[in-house]
Amino acid sequence: MNHDNTCCQQYLFAIRTPMDKKQRKALDLAIDNLGGIVKAAERFGVTVSAIGYWRAKGVPFGRLKEVSEASGVSREQLRPDLYA
């Protein structure tokens, strides 16, 4: 069976649970560092609604490195569920 990364990333995205307060605070800091929700959406080529979804469920695995490097907030802070 042939699997591509998109399938796996979507699966990881779908099974996440809601973020805790610490994780949410880290993402809010990342968004602030990028100039707000609209600027963050423009930076990553996604909709403002997508950023809102990230705020509810966490940064998708496939975007984690990019968000971390652009915002200065560590991957461990943004997704501690992946680095526990």
N, C-alpha and C. Protein backbone atom coordinates (compact mmCIF):
# COMPACT_ATOMS: atom_id res chain seq x y z
N MET A 1 0.84 -1.18 0.00
CA MET A 1 0.00 0.00 0.00
C MET A 1 0.88 1.24 0.00
N ASN A 2 0.51 2.20 -0.79
CA ASN A 2 1.28 3.42 -0.94
C ASN A 2 0.69 4.53 -0.07
N HIS A 3 1.50 5.11 0.82
CA HIS A 3 1.05 6.20 1.68
C HIS A 3 1.87 7.44 1.38
N ASP A 4 1.22 8.56 1.34
CA ASP A 4 1.97 9.80 1.19
C ASP A 4 1.92 10.59 2.49
N ASN A 5 2.81 11.55 2.64
CA ASN A 5 2.89 12.33 3.86
C ASN A 5 1.63 13.13 4.15
N THR A 6 0.94 13.59 3.10
CA THR A 6 -0.26 14.38 3.30
C THR A 6 -1.29 13.60 4.08
N CYS A 7 -1.48 12.36 3.71
CA CYS A 7 -2.44 11.49 4.40
C CYS A 7 -2.08 11.38 5.88
N CYS A 8 -0.83 11.11 6.15
CA CYS A 8 -0.38 10.93 7.53
C CYS A 8 -0.51 12.23 8.32
N GLN A 9 -0.16 13.36 7.71
CA GLN A 9 -0.26 14.64 8.40
C GLN A 9 -1.71 14.97 8.71
N GLN A 10 -2.61 14.68 7.78
CA GLN A 10 -4.01 14.94 8.03
C GLN A 10 -4.51 14.07 9.18
N TYR A 11 -4.05 12.84 9.23
CA TYR A 11 -4.44 11.94 10.32
C TYR A 11 -3.96 12.49 11.66
N LEU A 12 -2.69 12.90 11.72
CA LEU A 12 -2.17 13.47 12.96
C LEU A 12 -2.93 14.73 13.34
N PHE A 13 -3.31 15.52 12.35
CA PHE A 13 -4.04 16.75 12.58
C PHE A 13 -5.41 16.44 13.17
N ALA A 14 -6.06 15.41 12.66
CA ALA A 14 -7.43 15.09 13.06
C ALA A 14 -7.53 14.50 14.45
N ILE A 15 -6.49 13.82 14.94
CA ILE A 15 -6.61 13.13 16.22
C ILE A 15 -6.18 13.98 17.41
N ARG A 16 -5.74 15.21 17.17
CA ARG A 16 -5.31 16.05 18.28
C ARG A 16 -6.46 16.39 19.20
N THR A 17 -6.13 16.56 20.45
CA THR A 17 -7.11 16.99 21.43
C THR A 17 -6.95 18.50 21.65
N PRO A 18 -7.93 19.13 22.27
CA PRO A 18 -7.82 20.57 22.53
C PRO A 18 -6.56 20.92 23.33
N MET A 19 -6.05 22.11 23.09
CA MET A 19 -4.82 22.53 23.74
C MET A 19 -5.06 22.93 25.20
N ASP A 20 -4.03 22.76 26.02
CA ASP A 20 -4.11 23.25 27.39
C ASP A 20 -3.74 24.74 27.39
N LYS A 21 -3.89 25.38 28.55
CA LYS A 21 -3.67 26.83 28.64
C LYS A 21 -2.23 27.23 28.30
N LYS A 22 -1.26 26.43 28.72
CA LYS A 22 0.14 26.74 28.45
C LYS A 22 0.44 26.72 26.95
N GLN A 23 -0.07 25.70 26.30
CA GLN A 23 0.13 25.55 24.87
C GLN A 23 -0.57 26.68 24.11
N ARG A 24 -1.76 27.03 24.55
CA ARG A 24 -2.52 28.12 23.92
C ARG A 24 -1.78 29.44 24.09
N LYS A 25 -1.21 29.65 25.27
CA LYS A 25 -0.45 30.86 25.53
C LYS A 25 0.78 30.95 24.61
N ALA A 26 1.44 29.81 24.38
CA ALA A 26 2.60 29.78 23.49
C ALA A 26 2.19 30.13 22.06
N LEU A 27 1.07 29.59 21.60
CA LEU A 27 0.62 29.90 20.24
C LEU A 27 0.19 31.35 20.14
N ASP A 28 -0.47 31.87 21.16
CA ASP A 28 -0.85 33.29 21.15
C ASP A 28 0.40 34.18 21.08
N LEU A 29 1.47 33.79 21.79
CA LEU A 29 2.73 34.53 21.73
C LEU A 29 3.30 34.46 20.32
N ALA A 30 3.28 33.29 19.71
CA ALA A 30 3.78 33.13 18.34
C ALA A 30 3.00 34.02 17.38
N ILE A 31 1.69 34.03 17.52
CA ILE A 31 0.84 34.87 16.65
C ILE A 31 1.17 36.35 16.87
N ASP A 32 1.31 36.75 18.13
CA ASP A 32 1.67 38.14 18.43
C ASP A 32 3.03 38.50 17.82
N ASN A 33 4.00 37.58 17.94
CA ASN A 33 5.34 37.82 17.38
C ASN A 33 5.31 37.98 15.87
N LEU A 34 4.32 37.37 15.24
CA LEU A 34 4.19 37.47 13.78
C LEU A 34 3.37 38.68 13.34
N GLY A 35 2.81 39.42 14.30
CA GLY A 35 2.06 40.63 13.98
C GLY A 35 0.56 40.48 14.02
N GLY A 36 0.07 39.38 14.58
CA GLY A 36 -1.36 39.16 14.70
C GLY A 36 -1.86 38.04 13.80
N ILE A 37 -3.13 37.72 13.95
CA ILE A 37 -3.73 36.59 13.24
C ILE A 37 -3.70 36.81 11.72
N VAL A 38 -4.04 38.00 11.26
CA VAL A 38 -4.08 38.26 9.82
C VAL A 38 -2.69 38.13 9.22
N LYS A 39 -1.70 38.73 9.86
CA LYS A 39 -0.32 38.65 9.36
C LYS A 39 0.19 37.22 9.39
N ALA A 40 -0.15 36.47 10.45
CA ALA A 40 0.26 35.07 10.54
C ALA A 40 -0.35 34.26 9.39
N ALA A 41 -1.62 34.48 9.13
CA ALA A 41 -2.30 33.77 8.04
C ALA A 41 -1.63 34.09 6.70
N GLU A 42 -1.33 35.34 6.47
CA GLU A 42 -0.65 35.75 5.24
C GLU A 42 0.73 35.11 5.15
N ARG A 43 1.45 35.11 6.25
CA ARG A 43 2.82 34.56 6.29
C ARG A 43 2.84 33.09 5.90
N PHE A 44 1.84 32.34 6.35
CA PHE A 44 1.83 30.89 6.12
C PHE A 44 0.92 30.48 4.96
N GLY A 45 0.30 31.46 4.31
CA GLY A 45 -0.53 31.15 3.16
C GLY A 45 -1.78 30.37 3.49
N VAL A 46 -2.36 30.69 4.64
CA VAL A 46 -3.60 30.04 5.08
C VAL A 46 -4.64 31.10 5.39
N THR A 47 -5.85 30.67 5.66
CA THR A 47 -6.91 31.61 6.02
C THR A 47 -6.84 31.97 7.49
N VAL A 48 -7.49 33.06 7.83
CA VAL A 48 -7.60 33.45 9.23
C VAL A 48 -8.33 32.36 10.01
N SER A 49 -9.30 31.72 9.36
CA SER A 49 -10.02 30.61 10.00
C SER A 49 -9.09 29.46 10.33
N ALA A 50 -8.12 29.20 9.47
CA ALA A 50 -7.15 28.13 9.74
C ALA A 50 -6.34 28.45 10.99
N ILE A 51 -5.93 29.71 11.13
CA ILE A 51 -5.19 30.11 12.34
C ILE A 51 -6.09 29.94 13.56
N GLY A 52 -7.36 30.27 13.43
CA GLY A 52 -8.30 30.05 14.52
C GLY A 52 -8.40 28.57 14.89
N TYR A 53 -8.38 27.71 13.88
CA TYR A 53 -8.41 26.27 14.15
C TYR A 53 -7.14 25.83 14.86
N TRP A 54 -6.00 26.37 14.44
CA TRP A 54 -4.74 26.07 15.13
C TRP A 54 -4.84 26.47 16.59
N ARG A 55 -5.49 27.60 16.86
CA ARG A 55 -5.63 28.06 18.25
C ARG A 55 -6.49 27.11 19.07
N ALA A 56 -7.39 26.42 18.41
CA ALA A 56 -8.25 25.45 19.11
C ALA A 56 -7.59 24.09 19.25
N LYS A 57 -6.87 23.67 18.21
CA LYS A 57 -6.35 22.30 18.17
C LYS A 57 -4.84 22.18 18.14
N GLY A 58 -4.12 23.28 17.94
CA GLY A 58 -2.66 23.23 17.87
C GLY A 58 -2.15 23.37 16.45
N VAL A 59 -0.90 23.75 16.33
CA VAL A 59 -0.26 23.91 15.02
C VAL A 59 -0.11 22.53 14.39
N PRO A 60 -0.51 22.38 13.13
CA PRO A 60 -0.34 21.09 12.46
C PRO A 60 1.14 20.68 12.41
N PHE A 61 1.39 19.40 12.55
CA PHE A 61 2.75 18.89 12.55
C PHE A 61 3.56 19.39 11.36
N GLY A 62 2.95 19.41 10.20
CA GLY A 62 3.65 19.83 8.99
C GLY A 62 4.02 21.30 8.96
N ARG A 63 3.44 22.10 9.83
CA ARG A 63 3.72 23.55 9.89
C ARG A 63 4.55 23.93 11.11
N LEU A 64 4.79 22.99 11.98
CA LEU A 64 5.40 23.28 13.28
C LEU A 64 6.77 23.94 13.18
N LYS A 65 7.65 23.39 12.37
CA LYS A 65 9.00 23.95 12.24
C LYS A 65 8.94 25.37 11.68
N GLU A 66 8.13 25.56 10.65
CA GLU A 66 7.99 26.87 10.01
C GLU A 66 7.45 27.92 10.99
N VAL A 67 6.43 27.56 11.76
CA VAL A 67 5.84 28.49 12.73
C VAL A 67 6.85 28.81 13.82
N SER A 68 7.54 27.79 14.30
CA SER A 68 8.53 27.99 15.35
C SER A 68 9.65 28.92 14.91
N GLU A 69 10.19 28.65 13.73
CA GLU A 69 11.30 29.49 13.24
C GLU A 69 10.86 30.92 12.95
N ALA A 70 9.67 31.09 12.42
CA ALA A 70 9.20 32.43 12.07
C ALA A 70 8.83 33.25 13.31
N SER A 71 8.34 32.59 14.35
CA SER A 71 7.84 33.30 15.53
C SER A 71 8.82 33.39 16.69
N GLY A 72 9.81 32.50 16.69
CA GLY A 72 10.75 32.46 17.81
C GLY A 72 10.23 31.70 19.01
N VAL A 73 9.12 31.01 18.87
CA VAL A 73 8.55 30.19 19.94
C VAL A 73 8.90 28.73 19.63
N SER A 74 9.46 28.03 20.59
CA SER A 74 9.96 26.67 20.34
C SER A 74 8.85 25.68 19.99
N ARG A 75 9.25 24.67 19.23
CA ARG A 75 8.31 23.60 18.88
C ARG A 75 7.79 22.90 20.13
N GLU A 76 8.65 22.76 21.12
CA GLU A 76 8.26 22.11 22.37
C GLU A 76 7.17 22.89 23.09
N GLN A 77 7.24 24.21 23.00
CA GLN A 77 6.20 25.04 23.62
C GLN A 77 4.90 24.99 22.81
N LEU A 78 5.05 25.00 21.48
CA LEU A 78 3.87 25.01 20.62
C LEU A 78 3.12 23.68 20.63
N ARG A 79 3.84 22.56 20.70
CA ARG A 79 3.22 21.24 20.67
C ARG A 79 3.87 20.30 21.68
N PRO A 80 3.70 20.57 22.98
CA PRO A 80 4.31 19.70 23.98
C PRO A 80 3.81 18.26 23.91
N ASP A 81 2.63 18.06 23.32
CA ASP A 81 2.11 16.70 23.18
C ASP A 81 2.99 15.86 22.27
N LEU A 82 3.76 16.46 21.39
CA LEU A 82 4.65 15.73 20.50
C LEU A 82 6.05 15.58 21.07
N TYR A 83 6.36 16.34 22.12
CA TYR A 83 7.72 16.33 22.70
C TYR A 83 7.72 15.93 24.17
N ALA A 84 6.74 15.18 24.58
CA ALA A 84 6.65 14.76 25.98
C ALA A 84 7.57 13.60 26.28
